[in-house]
Protein backbone atom coordinates (compact mmCIF):
# COMPACT_ATOMS: atom_id res chain seq x y z
CA UNK A 1 16.44 9.38 -7.28
CA UNK A 2 14.90 8.89 -10.73
CA UNK A 3 11.48 9.78 -12.07
CA UNK A 4 9.04 7.93 -14.29
CA UNK A 5 6.37 9.64 -16.38
CA UNK A 6 2.86 8.41 -15.66
CA UNK A 7 0.24 8.48 -18.40
CA UNK A 8 -1.30 11.78 -17.25
CA UNK A 9 2.09 13.50 -17.02
CA UNK A 10 2.61 13.05 -13.29
CA UNK A 11 6.26 12.54 -12.42
CA UNK A 12 6.70 9.58 -10.08
CA UNK A 13 9.89 9.77 -8.02
CA UNK A 14 11.54 6.45 -7.30
CA UNK A 15 14.78 4.81 -6.27
CA UNK A 16 16.13 1.32 -6.83
CA UNK A 17 18.59 -0.88 -4.98
CA UNK A 18 19.90 -4.41 -5.16
CA UNK A 19 19.93 -6.88 -8.02
CA UNK A 20 17.73 -9.71 -9.16
CA UNK A 21 14.04 -9.94 -10.12
CA UNK A 22 12.27 -6.58 -9.71
CA UNK A 23 9.98 -5.90 -6.75
CA UNK A 24 8.04 -2.67 -6.29
CA UNK A 25 7.20 -1.66 -2.71
CA UNK A 26 4.03 0.39 -2.21
CA UNK A 27 3.61 2.51 0.92
CA UNK A 28 0.59 2.98 3.16
CA UNK A 29 -1.56 6.09 3.51
CA UNK A 30 0.38 9.17 4.57
CA UNK A 31 3.71 7.47 3.90
CA UNK A 32 6.37 8.17 1.28
CA UNK A 33 10.07 7.43 0.93
CA UNK A 34 11.15 10.06 3.46
CA UNK A 35 8.46 8.92 5.90
CA UNK A 36 8.19 5.19 5.35
CA UNK A 37 8.06 1.97 7.34
CA UNK A 38 9.46 0.06 4.36
CA UNK A 39 13.12 1.11 4.54
CA UNK A 40 14.37 -1.87 6.55
CA UNK A 41 12.32 -4.30 4.48
CA UNK A 42 13.73 -2.80 1.27
CA UNK A 43 17.28 -3.24 2.52
CA UNK A 44 16.71 -6.89 3.36
CA UNK A 45 14.93 -7.68 0.10
CA UNK A 46 17.67 -5.99 -1.94
CA UNK A 47 19.90 -8.98 -1.17
CA UNK A 48 17.74 -11.06 -3.53
CA UNK A 49 15.82 -8.55 -5.67
CA UNK A 50 16.05 -5.24 -7.48
CA UNK A 51 13.87 -3.22 -5.13
CA UNK A 52 11.94 -0.18 -6.32
CA UNK A 53 10.59 2.29 -3.78
CA UNK A 54 8.55 5.26 -4.94
CA UNK A 55 6.53 8.21 -3.72
CA UNK A 56 2.88 7.72 -4.54
CA UNK A 57 1.37 10.68 -6.40
CA UNK A 58 0.96 13.83 -4.34
CA UNK A 59 3.58 12.69 -1.83
CA UNK A 60 7.28 13.39 -1.31
CA UNK A 61 9.10 14.14 -4.55
CA UNK A 62 6.32 12.96 -6.86
CA UNK A 63 4.02 15.47 -8.49
CA UNK A 64 0.24 15.31 -8.74
CA UNK A 65 -2.42 15.91 -11.35
CA UNK A 66 -5.93 16.07 -9.86
CA UNK A 67 -8.61 14.88 -9.91
CA UNK A 68 -7.58 11.63 -8.26
CA UNK A 69 -8.84 8.24 -9.41
CA UNK A 70 -7.54 4.76 -8.49
CA UNK A 71 -6.90 4.19 -12.21
CA UNK A 72 -4.22 6.88 -12.11
CA UNK A 73 -2.36 5.04 -9.36
CA UNK A 74 -2.47 1.96 -11.56
CA UNK A 75 -0.92 4.03 -14.35
CA UNK A 76 1.83 5.08 -11.93
CA UNK A 77 2.66 1.44 -11.27
CA UNK A 78 2.57 0.77 -15.01
CA UNK A 79 5.17 3.52 -15.54
CA UNK A 80 7.44 1.88 -12.97
CA UNK A 81 7.06 -1.49 -14.68
CA UNK A 82 8.28 0.15 -17.87
CA UNK A 83 11.32 1.39 -15.94
CA UNK A 84 11.95 -2.14 -14.65
CA UNK A 85 11.80 -3.51 -18.19
CA UNK A 86 10.35 -6.88 -17.20
CA UNK A 87 7.50 -8.42 -15.18
CA UNK A 88 7.54 -7.38 -11.53
CA UNK A 89 6.27 -8.50 -8.16
CA UNK A 90 4.52 -6.05 -5.86
CA UNK A 91 4.61 -5.74 -2.08
CA UNK A 92 1.90 -3.50 -0.66
CA UNK A 93 1.40 -2.40 2.93
CA UNK A 94 -2.06 -1.37 4.16
CA UNK A 95 -3.63 0.91 1.51
CA UNK A 96 -0.53 0.29 -0.60
CA UNK A 97 -1.85 -3.27 -0.85
CA UNK A 98 -5.00 -1.88 -2.46
CA UNK A 99 -2.90 -0.17 -5.13
CA UNK A 100 -1.24 -3.53 -5.80
CA UNK A 101 -4.61 -5.29 -6.12
CA UNK A 102 -5.93 -2.67 -8.55
CA UNK A 103 -2.76 -2.95 -10.63
CA UNK A 104 -3.12 -6.73 -10.83
CA UNK A 105 -6.84 -6.52 -11.63
CA UNK A 106 -6.01 -4.13 -14.49
CA UNK A 107 -3.82 -6.80 -16.08
CA UNK A 108 -0.40 -5.22 -15.60
CA UNK A 109 2.63 -7.45 -16.04
CA UNK A 110 2.80 -8.66 -12.44
CA UNK A 111 4.19 -12.02 -11.36
CA UNK A 112 3.22 -12.16 -7.69
CA UNK A 113 1.71 -10.05 -4.91
CA UNK A 114 2.56 -9.95 -1.22
CA UNK A 115 0.19 -7.84 0.87
CA UNK A 116 0.28 -6.89 4.54
CA UNK A 117 -3.13 -6.21 6.07
CA UNK A 118 -5.05 -4.72 3.13
CA UNK A 119 -7.97 -2.66 4.54
CA UNK A 120 -10.79 -4.21 2.52
CA UNK A 121 -14.54 -4.02 3.05
CA UNK A 122 -15.77 -6.66 0.60
CA UNK A 123 -19.21 -5.02 0.40
CA UNK A 124 -19.85 -3.19 -2.86
CA UNK A 125 -20.51 0.57 -2.62
CA UNK A 126 -20.09 0.64 1.19
CA UNK A 127 -22.01 3.57 2.74
CA UNK A 128 -19.59 3.61 5.68
CA UNK A 129 -16.60 4.07 3.40
CA UNK A 130 -18.39 6.76 1.37
CA UNK A 131 -19.19 8.67 4.56
CA UNK A 132 -15.54 8.38 5.61
CA UNK A 133 -14.44 9.90 2.29
CA UNK A 134 -16.98 12.72 2.59
CA UNK A 135 -15.74 13.66 6.06
CA UNK A 136 -12.08 13.55 4.96
CA UNK A 137 -12.85 15.98 2.13
CA UNK A 138 -14.08 18.45 4.74
CA UNK A 139 -10.88 18.31 6.80
CA UNK A 140 -7.27 19.33 6.26
CA UNK A 141 -3.90 19.23 8.00
CA UNK A 142 -3.78 17.82 11.52
CA UNK A 143 -7.55 17.51 11.69
CA UNK A 144 -7.57 15.18 8.68
CA UNK A 145 -4.68 13.10 10.04
CA UNK A 146 -6.28 12.80 13.48
CA UNK A 147 -9.63 11.80 12.02
CA UNK A 148 -8.11 9.29 9.62
CA UNK A 149 -5.90 7.56 12.19
CA UNK A 150 -8.62 7.50 14.85
CA UNK A 151 -11.23 6.06 12.51
CA UNK A 152 -8.97 3.30 11.17
CA UNK A 153 -8.40 2.15 14.74
CA UNK A 154 -4.92 3.34 15.69
CA UNK A 155 -4.67 2.65 19.46
CA UNK A 156 -4.91 5.75 21.64
CA UNK A 157 -1.44 5.32 23.13
CA UNK A 158 0.13 4.88 19.69
CA UNK A 159 -1.66 7.97 18.40
CA UNK A 160 -0.51 10.01 21.39
CA UNK A 161 3.09 8.95 20.79
CA UNK A 162 2.91 10.04 17.15
CA UNK A 163 1.79 13.62 17.84
CA UNK A 164 4.58 16.16 17.52
CA UNK A 165 6.97 13.64 15.97
CA UNK A 166 8.66 14.02 12.57
CA UNK A 167 6.43 11.19 11.34
CA UNK A 168 3.35 13.18 12.38
CA UNK A 169 4.59 16.34 10.63
CA UNK A 170 5.29 14.35 7.47
CA UNK A 171 1.77 12.90 7.48
CA UNK A 172 0.30 16.36 7.94
CA UNK A 173 2.29 17.54 4.91
CA UNK A 174 0.43 15.06 2.69
CA UNK A 175 -2.90 15.09 4.55
CA UNK A 176 -4.80 15.89 1.35
CA UNK A 177 -3.84 12.47 -0.05
CA UNK A 178 -5.68 10.63 2.72
CA UNK A 179 -8.83 11.21 0.69
CA UNK A 180 -7.09 9.37 -2.16
CA UNK A 181 -6.65 6.32 0.05
CA UNK A 182 -10.29 6.41 1.10
CA UNK A 183 -11.41 6.60 -2.54
CA UNK A 184 -9.12 3.68 -3.26
CA UNK A 185 -10.80 1.69 -0.50
CA UNK A 186 -14.23 2.60 -1.90
CA UNK A 187 -13.19 1.08 -5.22
CA UNK A 188 -11.91 -2.19 -3.70
CA UNK A 189 -14.56 -4.85 -3.22
CA UNK A 190 -15.17 -8.56 -3.72
CA UNK A 191 -15.74 -8.08 -7.43
CA UNK A 192 -12.30 -6.57 -7.89
CA UNK A 193 -10.66 -9.31 -5.82
CA UNK A 194 -12.29 -11.97 -7.98
CA UNK A 195 -10.50 -10.51 -11.03
CA UNK A 196 -7.05 -10.80 -9.42
CA UNK A 197 -5.72 -14.16 -10.59
CA UNK A 198 -2.10 -13.31 -9.69
CA UNK A 199 -0.65 -15.60 -6.97
CA UNK A 200 -1.03 -13.56 -3.79
CA UNK A 201 0.23 -13.92 -0.23
CA UNK A 202 -1.93 -12.00 2.26
CA UNK A 203 -0.25 -11.44 5.62
CA UNK A 204 -1.39 -10.13 8.96
CA UNK A 205 0.21 -9.46 12.32
CA UNK A 206 -0.67 -11.49 15.41
CA UNK A 207 -0.62 -8.20 17.33
CA UNK A 208 -3.34 -6.58 15.24
CA UNK A 209 -7.00 -6.36 16.18
CA UNK A 210 -9.72 -8.65 14.88
CA UNK A 211 -10.81 -6.16 12.23
CA UNK A 212 -7.40 -6.10 10.53
CA UNK A 213 -6.75 -9.83 10.78
CA UNK A 214 -10.29 -10.59 9.68
CA UNK A 215 -9.96 -8.38 6.60
CA UNK A 216 -6.71 -10.13 5.67
CA UNK A 217 -8.29 -13.56 5.97
CA UNK A 218 -11.37 -12.48 4.00
CA UNK A 219 -9.21 -10.99 1.25
CA UNK A 220 -7.20 -14.20 0.90
CA UNK A 221 -10.38 -16.27 0.65
CA UNK A 222 -11.79 -13.93 -1.99
CA UNK A 223 -8.70 -14.08 -4.22
CA UNK A 224 -8.67 -16.96 -6.74
CA UNK A 225 -5.02 -17.69 -5.92
CA UNK A 226 -4.76 -16.21 -2.44
CA UNK A 227 -2.89 -17.65 0.54
CA UNK A 228 -3.20 -16.30 4.08
CA UNK A 229 -0.54 -16.34 6.77
CA UNK A 230 -0.23 -14.68 10.18
CA UNK A 231 3.16 -13.51 11.47
CA UNK A 232 4.27 -12.35 14.93
CA UNK A 233 4.21 -8.59 15.22
CA UNK A 234 2.64 -5.49 16.72
CA UNK A 235 -0.56 -3.64 15.85
CA UNK A 236 -0.69 -3.29 12.04
CA UNK A 237 2.96 -4.13 11.58
CA UNK A 238 5.49 -6.95 11.40
CA UNK A 239 9.24 -6.42 12.02
CA UNK A 240 11.24 -6.37 8.80
CA UNK A 241 13.45 -9.21 10.01
CA UNK A 242 10.39 -11.43 10.37
CA UNK A 243 8.63 -10.20 7.26
CA UNK A 244 11.47 -10.19 4.71
CA UNK A 245 12.25 -13.94 4.56
CA UNK A 246 8.57 -14.84 4.22
CA UNK A 247 8.00 -12.29 1.45
CA UNK A 248 11.24 -13.23 -0.32
CA UNK A 249 10.41 -16.94 -0.24
CA UNK A 250 6.97 -16.35 -1.77
CA UNK A 251 8.19 -13.93 -4.44
CA UNK A 252 11.06 -16.19 -5.51
CA UNK A 253 8.70 -19.04 -6.41
CA UNK A 254 8.21 -19.92 -10.08
């Protein structure tokens, strides 16, 4: 594990593997390197790329420096780009995709983006999203995790299977950062997407609900250089073996 210094002094813990053009993987809400769905994908991509995985601020081995703003997450990505020493591509999953979009909109040295099911409400200043953030601020621990996962549409049987698992305990340990992800979503609208000129592949899973697939399609249409593709998978997820070749092919392009 290495660390990179973000602009506000936050230490961002990261690891790298493989060789080739650099790709930074950005986890979803409640996830970090020790509790991530990106491990298998990272291993497969490392055949072709230098893969960077990191703990978003306030999670895992990274530190934090409140108050949170999306701009600080962009600064975290900027610190990792300095570590890479050359332009990078970004892969973002769920709210990690929002971090990637903000980084690209800010003009960081990013070649390409690949995003899996970014949770985007294109409406500016959405009252629904603001109410969601307000409620999250009032909750902590398991209550915050339960509320967050229920409200984003995690199926009841999936939610029941998560309770009591190591994954559940890990999410509870970083429950305070769920508010960060909601604030990030508040700051992501059609205006921001219009500023992202980076070539972007937006993916969804055929096993997801209409809300998730619809948001992916809308995001791709709103991006000046966006492409949309659906892959076979489960709810809000695509197996790494299916995902990796598609992502690698897109990121390897000129």
